[in-house]
């Protein structure tokens, strides 16, 4: 066997094959978090002809980076109604109650 991924039956890194449930599990995040990342423009999965999200190995690598940055506090974890973009790098400020 050579280094060709097809010989091992693995998709290429850019081939979108993983449904949202598998992508979320592989990335170690919840499905709703993955949808929020998409809403905020952090990730843009491919879509099947029927509109189903399909994630690639490249998408999973990006999710790992987003997750690592979130854990470090380099980007804020998105929540409903929050604003976040691909360029957000500022530290998250603690929220103080009114």
PDB file of N, CA and C in Angstrom:
ATOM      1  N   UNK A   1       0.827  -1.194   0.000  1.00  0.00           N
ATOM      2  CA  UNK A   1       0.000   0.000   0.000  1.00  0.00           C
ATOM      3  C   UNK A   1       0.861   1.243   0.000  1.00  0.00           C
ATOM      4  N   UNK A   2       0.451   2.246  -0.770  1.00  0.00           N
ATOM      5  CA  UNK A   2       1.155   3.518  -0.829  1.00  0.00           C
ATOM      6  C   UNK A   2       0.533   4.516   0.115  1.00  0.00           C
ATOM      7  N   UNK A   3       0.867   5.774  -0.108  1.00  0.00           N
ATOM      8  CA  UNK A   3       0.342   6.829   0.754  1.00  0.00           C
ATOM      9  C   UNK A   3      -0.974   7.391   0.240  1.00  0.00           C
ATOM     10  N   UNK A   4      -1.502   6.856  -0.853  1.00  0.00           N
ATOM     11  CA  UNK A   4      -2.769   7.336  -1.411  1.00  0.00           C
ATOM     12  C   UNK A   4      -3.898   6.994  -0.451  1.00  0.00           C
ATOM     13  N   UNK A   5      -4.651   8.012  -0.033  1.00  0.00           N
ATOM     14  CA  UNK A   5      -5.733   7.816   0.943  1.00  0.00           C
ATOM     15  C   UNK A   5      -6.806   6.868   0.413  1.00  0.00           C
ATOM     16  N   UNK A   6      -7.002   6.852  -0.882  1.00  0.00           N
ATOM     17  CA  UNK A   6      -8.058   5.997  -1.438  1.00  0.00           C
ATOM     18  C   UNK A   6      -7.783   4.530  -1.181  1.00  0.00           C
ATOM     19  N   UNK A   7      -6.516   4.169  -1.124  1.00  0.00           N
ATOM     20  CA  UNK A   7      -6.179   2.774  -0.850  1.00  0.00           C
ATOM     21  C   UNK A   7      -6.643   2.368   0.542  1.00  0.00           C
ATOM     22  N   UNK A   8      -6.647   3.307   1.486  1.00  0.00           N
ATOM     23  CA  UNK A   8      -7.102   3.031   2.843  1.00  0.00           C
ATOM     24  C   UNK A   8      -8.574   3.338   3.028  1.00  0.00           C
ATOM     25  N   UNK A   9      -9.250   3.692   1.945  1.00  0.00           N
ATOM     26  CA  UNK A   9     -10.675   3.993   1.957  1.00  0.00           C
ATOM     27  C   UNK A   9     -11.036   5.201   2.810  1.00  0.00           C
ATOM     28  N   UNK A  10     -10.105   6.134   2.981  1.00  0.00           N
ATOM     29  CA  UNK A  10     -10.388   7.367   3.713  1.00  0.00           C
ATOM     30  C   UNK A  10     -10.613   8.490   2.713  1.00  0.00           C
ATOM     31  N   UNK A  11     -11.566   9.360   3.002  1.00  0.00           N
ATOM     32  CA  UNK A  11     -11.799  10.491   2.091  1.00  0.00           C
ATOM     33  C   UNK A  11     -10.641  11.474   2.135  1.00  0.00           C
ATOM     34  N   UNK A  12     -10.446  12.212   1.049  1.00  0.00           N
ATOM     35  CA  UNK A  12      -9.443  13.270   1.019  1.00  0.00           C
ATOM     36  C   UNK A  12      -9.816  14.353   2.014  1.00  0.00           C
ATOM     37  N   UNK A  13      -8.851  15.147   2.435  1.00  0.00           N
ATOM     38  CA  UNK A  13      -9.101  16.153   3.471  1.00  0.00           C
ATOM     39  C   UNK A  13     -10.121  17.210   3.045  1.00  0.00           C
ATOM     40  N   UNK A  14     -10.266  17.430   1.749  1.00  0.00           N
ATOM     41  CA  UNK A  14     -11.218  18.423   1.271  1.00  0.00           C
ATOM     42  C   UNK A  14     -12.555  17.849   0.861  1.00  0.00           C
ATOM     43  N   UNK A  15     -12.702  16.538   0.964  1.00  0.00           N
ATOM     44  CA  UNK A  15     -13.940  15.887   0.540  1.00  0.00           C
ATOM     45  C   UNK A  15     -14.958  15.912   1.679  1.00  0.00           C
ATOM     46  N   UNK A  16     -16.078  16.588   1.456  1.00  0.00           N
ATOM     47  CA  UNK A  16     -17.111  16.751   2.486  1.00  0.00           C
ATOM     48  C   UNK A  16     -17.993  15.512   2.549  1.00  0.00           C
ATOM     49  N   UNK A  17     -17.802  14.712   3.577  1.00  0.00           N
ATOM     50  CA  UNK A  17     -18.546  13.457   3.698  1.00  0.00           C
ATOM     51  C   UNK A  17     -19.211  13.254   5.059  1.00  0.00           C
ATOM     52  N   UNK A  18     -18.775  14.004   6.082  1.00  0.00           N
ATOM     53  CA  UNK A  18     -19.265  13.754   7.438  1.00  0.00           C
ATOM     54  C   UNK A  18     -20.537  14.537   7.728  1.00  0.00           C
ATOM     55  N   UNK A  19     -21.604  13.860   8.182  1.00  0.00           N
ATOM     56  CA  UNK A  19     -22.814  14.592   8.581  1.00  0.00           C
ATOM     57  C   UNK A  19     -22.548  15.335   9.892  1.00  0.00           C
ATOM     58  N   UNK A  20     -23.431  16.242  10.229  1.00  0.00           N
ATOM     59  CA  UNK A  20     -23.222  17.104  11.384  1.00  0.00           C
ATOM     60  C   UNK A  20     -23.033  16.325  12.685  1.00  0.00           C
ATOM     61  N   UNK A  21     -23.743  15.236  12.876  1.00  0.00           N
ATOM     62  CA  UNK A  21     -23.614  14.467  14.114  1.00  0.00           C
ATOM     63  C   UNK A  21     -22.221  13.864  14.253  1.00  0.00           C
ATOM     64  N   UNK A  22     -21.669  13.362  13.161  1.00  0.00           N
ATOM     65  CA  UNK A  22     -20.328  12.768  13.181  1.00  0.00           C
ATOM     66  C   UNK A  22     -19.275  13.863  13.354  1.00  0.00           C
ATOM     67  N   UNK A  23     -19.435  14.981  12.641  1.00  0.00           N
ATOM     68  CA  UNK A  23     -18.488  16.090  12.751  1.00  0.00           C
ATOM     69  C   UNK A  23     -18.442  16.611  14.186  1.00  0.00           C
ATOM     70  N   UNK A  24     -19.599  16.778  14.799  1.00  0.00           N
ATOM     71  CA  UNK A  24     -19.656  17.272  16.180  1.00  0.00           C
ATOM     72  C   UNK A  24     -18.969  16.293  17.128  1.00  0.00           C
ATOM     73  N   UNK A  25     -19.228  15.017  16.951  1.00  0.00           N
ATOM     74  CA  UNK A  25     -18.612  14.004  17.813  1.00  0.00           C
ATOM     75  C   UNK A  25     -17.090  13.989  17.630  1.00  0.00           C
ATOM     76  N   UNK A  26     -16.640  14.019  16.390  1.00  0.00           N
ATOM     77  CA  UNK A  26     -15.199  14.007  16.123  1.00  0.00           C
ATOM     78  C   UNK A  26     -14.511  15.265  16.652  1.00  0.00           C
ATOM     79  N   UNK A  27     -15.212  16.390  16.625  1.00  0.00           N
ATOM     80  CA  UNK A  27     -14.652  17.656  17.103  1.00  0.00           C
ATOM     81  C   UNK A  27     -14.805  17.817  18.615  1.00  0.00           C
ATOM     82  N   UNK A  28     -15.615  16.966  19.240  1.00  0.00           N
ATOM     83  CA  UNK A  28     -15.816  17.052  20.686  1.00  0.00           C
ATOM     84  C   UNK A  28     -16.688  18.213  21.109  1.00  0.00           C
ATOM     85  N   UNK A  29     -17.634  18.599  20.240  1.00  0.00           N
ATOM     86  CA  UNK A  29     -18.545  19.697  20.565  1.00  0.00           C
ATOM     87  C   UNK A  29     -19.980  19.257  20.329  1.00  0.00           C
ATOM     88  N   UNK A  30     -20.905  20.046  20.820  1.00  0.00           N
ATOM     89  CA  UNK A  30     -22.321  19.761  20.638  1.00  0.00           C
ATOM     90  C   UNK A  30     -22.778  20.199  19.248  1.00  0.00           C
ATOM     91  N   UNK A  31     -23.810  19.564  18.743  1.00  0.00           N
ATOM     92  CA  UNK A  31     -24.345  19.903  17.426  1.00  0.00           C
ATOM     93  C   UNK A  31     -24.798  21.357  17.400  1.00  0.00           C
ATOM     94  N   UNK A  32     -25.467  21.825  18.459  1.00  0.00           N
ATOM     95  CA  UNK A  32     -25.943  23.211  18.457  1.00  0.00           C
ATOM     96  C   UNK A  32     -24.776  24.198  18.413  1.00  0.00           C
ATOM     97  N   UNK A  33     -23.645  23.847  19.024  1.00  0.00           N
ATOM     98  CA  UNK A  33     -22.462  24.703  18.972  1.00  0.00           C
ATOM     99  C   UNK A  33     -21.928  24.778  17.549  1.00  0.00           C
ATOM    100  N   UNK A  34     -21.931  23.653  16.874  1.00  0.00           N
ATOM    101  CA  UNK A  34     -21.491  23.609  15.481  1.00  0.00           C
ATOM    102  C   UNK A  34     -22.379  24.483  14.602  1.00  0.00           C
ATOM    103  N   UNK A  35     -23.680  24.427  14.840  1.00  0.00           N
ATOM    104  CA  UNK A  35     -24.605  25.283  14.082  1.00  0.00           C
ATOM    105  C   UNK A  35     -24.357  26.766  14.378  1.00  0.00           C
ATOM    106  N   UNK A  36     -24.062  27.100  15.636  1.00  0.00           N
ATOM    107  CA  UNK A  36     -23.759  28.482  15.996  1.00  0.00           C
ATOM    108  C   UNK A  36     -22.476  28.956  15.316  1.00  0.00           C
ATOM    109  N   UNK A  37     -21.463  28.102  15.267  1.00  0.00           N
ATOM    110  CA  UNK A  37     -20.226  28.458  14.571  1.00  0.00           C
ATOM    111  C   UNK A  37     -20.526  28.781  13.106  1.00  0.00           C
ATOM    112  N   UNK A  38     -21.414  28.007  12.513  1.00  0.00           N
ATOM    113  CA  UNK A  38     -21.798  28.274  11.126  1.00  0.00           C
ATOM    114  C   UNK A  38     -22.551  29.602  11.017  1.00  0.00           C
ATOM    115  N   UNK A  39     -23.495  29.837  11.915  1.00  0.00           N
ATOM    116  CA  UNK A  39     -24.262  31.087  11.916  1.00  0.00           C
ATOM    117  C   UNK A  39     -23.357  32.303  12.001  1.00  0.00           C
ATOM    118  N   UNK A  40     -22.285  32.190  12.769  1.00  0.00           N
ATOM    119  CA  UNK A  40     -21.377  33.305  12.996  1.00  0.00           C
ATOM    120  C   UNK A  40     -20.239  33.353  11.982  1.00  0.00           C
ATOM    121  N   UNK A  41     -20.282  32.486  10.983  1.00  0.00           N
ATOM    122  CA  UNK A  41     -19.314  32.536   9.904  1.00  0.00           C
ATOM    123  C   UNK A  41     -17.963  31.921  10.199  1.00  0.00           C
ATOM    124  N   UNK A  42     -17.860  31.146  11.268  1.00  0.00           N
ATOM    125  CA  UNK A  42     -16.583  30.519  11.601  1.00  0.00           C
ATOM    126  C   UNK A  42     -16.300  29.291  10.750  1.00  0.00           C
ATOM    127  N   UNK A  43     -17.347  28.673  10.251  1.00  0.00           N
ATOM    128  CA  UNK A  43     -17.196  27.485   9.409  1.00  0.00           C
ATOM    129  C   UNK A  43     -18.334  27.467   8.395  1.00  0.00           C
ATOM    130  N   UNK A  44     -18.031  26.995   7.214  1.00  0.00           N
ATOM    131  CA  UNK A  44     -19.036  26.931   6.157  1.00  0.00           C
ATOM    132  C   UNK A  44     -18.999  25.541   5.537  1.00  0.00           C
ATOM    133  N   UNK A  45     -19.826  24.626   6.042  1.00  0.00           N
ATOM    134  CA  UNK A  45     -19.811  23.271   5.491  1.00  0.00           C
ATOM    135  C   UNK A  45     -20.430  23.231   4.089  1.00  0.00           C
ATOM    136  N   UNK A  46     -20.054  22.215   3.357  1.00  0.00           N
ATOM    137  CA  UNK A  46     -20.690  21.970   2.059  1.00  0.00           C
ATOM    138  C   UNK A  46     -22.110  21.488   2.332  1.00  0.00           C
ATOM    139  N   UNK A  47     -22.925  21.522   1.318  1.00  0.00           N
ATOM    140  CA  UNK A  47     -24.302  21.033   1.443  1.00  0.00           C
ATOM    141  C   UNK A  47     -24.558  19.985   0.374  1.00  0.00           C
ATOM    142  N   UNK A  48     -25.297  18.963   0.738  1.00  0.00           N
ATOM    143  CA  UNK A  48     -25.704  17.945  -0.228  1.00  0.00           C
ATOM    144  C   UNK A  48     -26.804  18.537  -1.108  1.00  0.00           C
ATOM    145  N   UNK A  49     -27.185  17.804  -2.139  1.00  0.00           N
ATOM    146  CA  UNK A  49     -28.265  18.264  -3.020  1.00  0.00           C
ATOM    147  C   UNK A  49     -29.547  18.504  -2.226  1.00  0.00           C
ATOM    148  N   UNK A  50     -29.738  17.758  -1.155  1.00  0.00           N
ATOM    149  CA  UNK A  50     -30.920  17.913  -0.314  1.00  0.00           C
ATOM    150  C   UNK A  50     -30.762  18.959   0.782  1.00  0.00           C
ATOM    151  N   UNK A  51     -29.600  19.624   0.846  1.00  0.00           N
ATOM    152  CA  UNK A  51     -29.394  20.679   1.831  1.00  0.00           C
ATOM    153  C   UNK A  51     -28.752  20.235   3.131  1.00  0.00           C
ATOM    154  N   UNK A  52     -28.384  18.949   3.233  1.00  0.00           N
ATOM    155  CA  UNK A  52     -27.763  18.436   4.449  1.00  0.00           C
ATOM    156  C   UNK A  52     -26.321  18.919   4.545  1.00  0.00           C
ATOM    157  N   UNK A  53     -25.922  19.372   5.726  1.00  0.00           N
ATOM    158  CA  UNK A  53     -24.538  19.804   5.938  1.00  0.00           C
ATOM    159  C   UNK A  53     -23.608  18.602   5.814  1.00  0.00           C
ATOM    160  N   UNK A  54     -22.470  18.815   5.155  1.00  0.00           N
ATOM    161  CA  UNK A  54     -21.434  17.788   5.017  1.00  0.00           C
ATOM    162  C   UNK A  54     -20.092  18.430   5.315  1.00  0.00           C
ATOM    163  N   UNK A  55     -19.362  17.855   6.252  1.00  0.00           N
ATOM    164  CA  UNK A  55     -18.089  18.405   6.697  1.00  0.00           C
ATOM    165  C   UNK A  55     -16.935  17.570   6.159  1.00  0.00           C
ATOM    166  N   UNK A  56     -15.830  18.240   5.881  1.00  0.00           N
ATOM    167  CA  UNK A  56     -14.624  17.584   5.359  1.00  0.00           C
ATOM    168  C   UNK A  56     -13.578  17.467   6.472  1.00  0.00           C
ATOM    169  N   UNK A  57     -12.501  16.785   6.166  1.00  0.00           N
ATOM    170  CA  UNK A  57     -11.374  16.719   7.095  1.00  0.00           C
ATOM    171  C   UNK A  57     -10.806  18.107   7.366  1.00  0.00           C
ATOM    172  N   UNK A  58     -10.785  18.958   6.333  1.00  0.00           N
ATOM    173  CA  UNK A  58     -10.326  20.341   6.517  1.00  0.00           C
ATOM    174  C   UNK A  58     -11.240  21.090   7.487  1.00  0.00           C
ATOM    175  N   UNK A  59     -12.553  20.858   7.369  1.00  0.00           N
ATOM    176  CA  UNK A  59     -13.506  21.476   8.296  1.00  0.00           C
ATOM    177  C   UNK A  59     -13.245  20.999   9.727  1.00  0.00           C
ATOM    178  N   UNK A  60     -12.971  19.707   9.885  1.00  0.00           N
ATOM    179  CA  UNK A  60     -12.711  19.164  11.217  1.00  0.00           C
ATOM    180  C   UNK A  60     -11.442  19.772  11.813  1.00  0.00           C
ATOM    181  N   UNK A  61     -10.416  19.969  10.993  1.00  0.00           N
ATOM    182  CA  UNK A  61      -9.183  20.607  11.473  1.00  0.00           C
ATOM    183  C   UNK A  61      -9.480  22.038  11.921  1.00  0.00           C
ATOM    184  N   UNK A  62     -10.306  22.745  11.160  1.00  0.00           N
ATOM    185  CA  UNK A  62     -10.688  24.110  11.522  1.00  0.00           C
ATOM    186  C   UNK A  62     -11.460  24.106  12.845  1.00  0.00           C
ATOM    187  N   UNK A  63     -12.363  23.145  13.017  1.00  0.00           N
ATOM    188  CA  UNK A  63     -13.122  23.042  14.264  1.00  0.00           C
ATOM    189  C   UNK A  63     -12.200  22.783  15.449  1.00  0.00           C
ATOM    190  N   UNK A  64     -11.183  21.957  15.252  1.00  0.00           N
ATOM    191  CA  UNK A  64     -10.227  21.706  16.333  1.00  0.00           C
ATOM    192  C   UNK A  64      -9.513  22.999  16.725  1.00  0.00           C
ATOM    193  N   UNK A  65      -9.162  23.817  15.742  1.00  0.00           N
ATOM    194  CA  UNK A  65      -8.487  25.092  16.014  1.00  0.00           C
ATOM    195  C   UNK A  65      -9.431  26.054  16.737  1.00  0.00           C
ATOM    196  N   UNK A  66     -10.674  26.124  16.285  1.00  0.00           N
ATOM    197  CA  UNK A  66     -11.666  26.991  16.941  1.00  0.00           C
ATOM    198  C   UNK A  66     -11.862  26.559  18.388  1.00  0.00           C
ATOM    199  N   UNK A  67     -11.969  25.253  18.606  1.00  0.00           N
ATOM    200  CA  UNK A  67     -12.160  24.715  19.954  1.00  0.00           C
ATOM    201  C   UNK A  67     -10.963  25.037  20.841  1.00  0.00           C
ATOM    202  N   UNK A  68      -9.766  24.881  20.298  1.00  0.00           N
ATOM    203  CA  UNK A  68      -8.554  25.187  21.076  1.00  0.00           C
ATOM    204  C   UNK A  68      -8.510  26.664  21.444  1.00  0.00           C
ATOM    205  N   UNK A  69      -8.818  27.538  20.491  1.00  0.00           N
ATOM    206  CA  UNK A  69      -8.821  28.976  20.763  1.00  0.00           C
ATOM    207  C   UNK A  69      -9.892  29.350  21.782  1.00  0.00           C
ATOM    208  N   UNK A  70     -11.040  28.686  21.700  1.00  0.00           N
ATOM    209  CA  UNK A  70     -12.121  28.945  22.648  1.00  0.00           C
ATOM    210  C   UNK A  70     -11.685  28.553  24.059  1.00  0.00           C
ATOM    211  N   UNK A  71     -11.053  27.402  24.184  1.00  0.00           N
ATOM    212  CA  UNK A  71     -10.594  26.936  25.500  1.00  0.00           C
ATOM    213  C   UNK A  71      -9.512  27.846  26.076  1.00  0.00           C
ATOM    214  N   UNK A  72      -8.681  28.423  25.200  1.00  0.00           N
ATOM    215  CA  UNK A  72      -7.626  29.340  25.641  1.00  0.00           C
ATOM    216  C   UNK A  72      -8.186  30.712  25.997  1.00  0.00           C
ATOM    217  N   UNK A  73      -9.430  30.980  25.589  1.00  0.00           N
ATOM    218  CA  UNK A  73     -10.024  32.282  25.824  1.00  0.00           C
ATOM    219  C   UNK A  73      -9.662  33.287  24.746  1.00  0.00           C
ATOM    220  N   UNK A  74      -9.078  32.812  23.637  1.00  0.00           N
ATOM    221  CA  UNK A  74      -8.703  33.717  22.549  1.00  0.00           C
ATOM    222  C   UNK A  74      -9.906  34.174  21.754  1.00  0.00           C
ATOM    223  N   UNK A  75     -10.943  33.360  21.720  1.00  0.00           N
ATOM    224  CA  UNK A  75     -12.208  33.772  21.115  1.00  0.00           C
ATOM    225  C   UNK A  75     -13.318  33.391  22.071  1.00  0.00           C
ATOM    226  N   UNK A  76     -14.388  34.141  22.032  1.00  0.00           N
ATOM    227  CA  UNK A  76     -15.528  33.868  22.904  1.00  0.00           C
ATOM    228  C   UNK A  76     -16.366  32.752  22.317  1.00  0.00           C
ATOM    229  N   UNK A  77     -16.884  31.943  23.180  1.00  0.00           N
ATOM    230  CA  UNK A  77     -17.804  30.904  22.743  1.00  0.00           C
ATOM    231  C   UNK A  77     -19.095  31.586  22.333  1.00  0.00           C
ATOM    232  N   UNK A  78     -19.556  31.336  21.107  1.00  0.00           N
ATOM    233  CA  UNK A  78     -20.777  32.013  20.683  1.00  0.00           C
ATOM    234  C   UNK A  78     -21.994  31.530  21.462  1.00  0.00           C
ATOM    235  N   UNK A  79     -22.898  32.437  21.698  1.00  0.00           N
ATOM    236  CA  UNK A  79     -24.170  32.086  22.298  1.00  0.00           C
ATOM    237  C   UNK A  79     -25.250  32.775  21.481  1.00  0.00           C
ATOM    238  N   UNK A  80     -26.450  32.366  21.658  1.00  0.00           N
ATOM    239  CA  UNK A  80     -27.540  32.962  20.879  1.00  0.00           C
ATOM    240  C   UNK A  80     -27.549  34.469  21.086  1.00  0.00           C
ATOM    241  N   UNK A  81     -27.595  35.192  19.991  1.00  0.00           N
ATOM    242  CA  UNK A  81     -27.643  36.641  20.065  1.00  0.00           C
ATOM    243  C   UNK A  81     -26.283  37.306  20.181  1.00  0.00           C
ATOM    244  N   UNK A  82     -25.199  36.500  20.233  1.00  0.00           N
ATOM    245  CA  UNK A  82     -23.880  37.106  20.337  1.00  0.00           C
ATOM    246  C   UNK A  82     -23.321  37.393  18.958  1.00  0.00           C
ATOM    247  N   UNK A  83     -22.282  38.185  18.915  1.00  0.00           N
ATOM    248  CA  UNK A  83     -21.641  38.535  17.657  1.00  0.00           C
ATOM    249  C   UNK A  83     -20.203  38.050  17.689  1.00  0.00           C
ATOM    250  N   UNK A  84     -19.806  37.255  16.701  1.00  0.00           N
ATOM    251  CA  UNK A  84     -18.447  36.726  16.617  1.00  0.00           C
ATOM    252  C   UNK A  84     -18.120  36.546  15.149  1.00  0.00           C
ATOM    253  N   UNK A  85     -16.877  36.690  14.789  1.00  0.00           N
ATOM    254  CA  UNK A  85     -16.490  36.516  13.392  1.00  0.00           C
ATOM    255  C   UNK A  85     -15.183  35.752  13.306  1.00  0.00           C
ATOM    256  N   UNK A  86     -14.776  35.435  12.090  1.00  0.00           N
ATOM    257  CA  UNK A  86     -13.531  34.707  11.866  1.00  0.00           C
ATOM    258  C   UNK A  86     -12.331  35.474  12.394  1.00  0.00           C
ATOM    259  N   UNK A  87     -12.421  36.788  12.452  1.00  0.00           N
ATOM    260  CA  UNK A  87     -11.276  37.604  12.847  1.00  0.00           C
ATOM    261  C   UNK A  87     -11.261  37.937  14.331  1.00  0.00           C
ATOM    262  N   UNK A  88     -12.202  37.416  15.097  1.00  0.00           N
ATOM    263  CA  UNK A  88     -12.241  37.715  16.520  1.00  0.00           C
ATOM    264  C   UNK A  88     -11.038  37.085  17.211  1.00  0.00           C
ATOM    265  N   UNK A  89     -10.193  37.909  17.803  1.00  0.00           N
ATOM    266  CA  UNK A  89      -9.024  37.399  18.503  1.00  0.00           C
ATOM    267  C   UNK A  89      -8.884  37.991  19.896  1.00  0.00           C
ATOM    268  N   UNK A  90      -9.690  38.975  20.219  1.00  0.00           N
ATOM    269  CA  UNK A  90      -9.583  39.629  21.528  1.00  0.00           C
ATOM    270  C   UNK A  90      -9.996  38.672  22.637  1.00  0.00           C
ATOM    271  N   UNK A  91      -9.393  38.855  23.774  1.00  0.00           N
ATOM    272  CA  UNK A  91      -9.762  38.044  24.935  1.00  0.00           C
ATOM    273  C   UNK A  91     -11.210  38.328  25.311  1.00  0.00           C
ATOM    274  N   UNK A  92     -11.881  37.344  25.833  1.00  0.00           N
ATOM    275  CA  UNK A  92     -13.264  37.505  26.245  1.00  0.00           C
ATOM    276  C   UNK A  92     -13.304  38.261  27.564  1.00  0.00           C
ATOM    277  N   UNK A  93     -14.064  39.274  27.605  1.00  0.00           N
ATOM    278  CA  UNK A  93     -14.235  40.035  28.846  1.00  0.00           C
ATOM    279  C   UNK A  93     -15.312  39.365  29.689  1.00  0.00           C
ATOM    280  N   UNK A  94     -15.098  39.254  30.980  1.00  0.00           N
ATOM    281  CA  UNK A  94     -16.138  38.664  31.818  1.00  0.00           C
ATOM    282  C   UNK A  94     -17.396  39.514  31.784  1.00  0.00           C
ATOM    283  N   UNK A  95     -18.515  38.844  31.789  1.00  0.00           N
ATOM    284  CA  UNK A  95     -19.794  39.546  31.775  1.00  0.00           C
ATOM    285  C   UNK A  95     -20.171  39.893  33.206  1.00  0.00           C
ATOM    286  N   UNK A  96     -20.481  41.154  33.433  1.00  0.00           N
ATOM    287  CA  UNK A  96     -20.901  41.575  34.749  1.00  0.00           C
ATOM    288  C   UNK A  96     -22.394  41.836  34.724  1.00  0.00           C
ATOM    289  N   UNK A  97     -23.107  41.353  35.716  1.00  0.00           N
ATOM    290  CA  UNK A  97     -24.557  41.558  35.735  1.00  0.00           C
ATOM    291  C   UNK A  97     -24.891  43.030  35.911  1.00  0.00           C
ATOM    292  N   UNK A  98     -26.003  43.491  35.344  1.00  0.00           N
ATOM    293  CA  UNK A  98     -26.396  44.911  35.460  1.00  0.00           C
ATOM    294  C   UNK A  98     -26.728  45.318  36.868  1.00  0.00           C
TER     295      UNK A  98
END
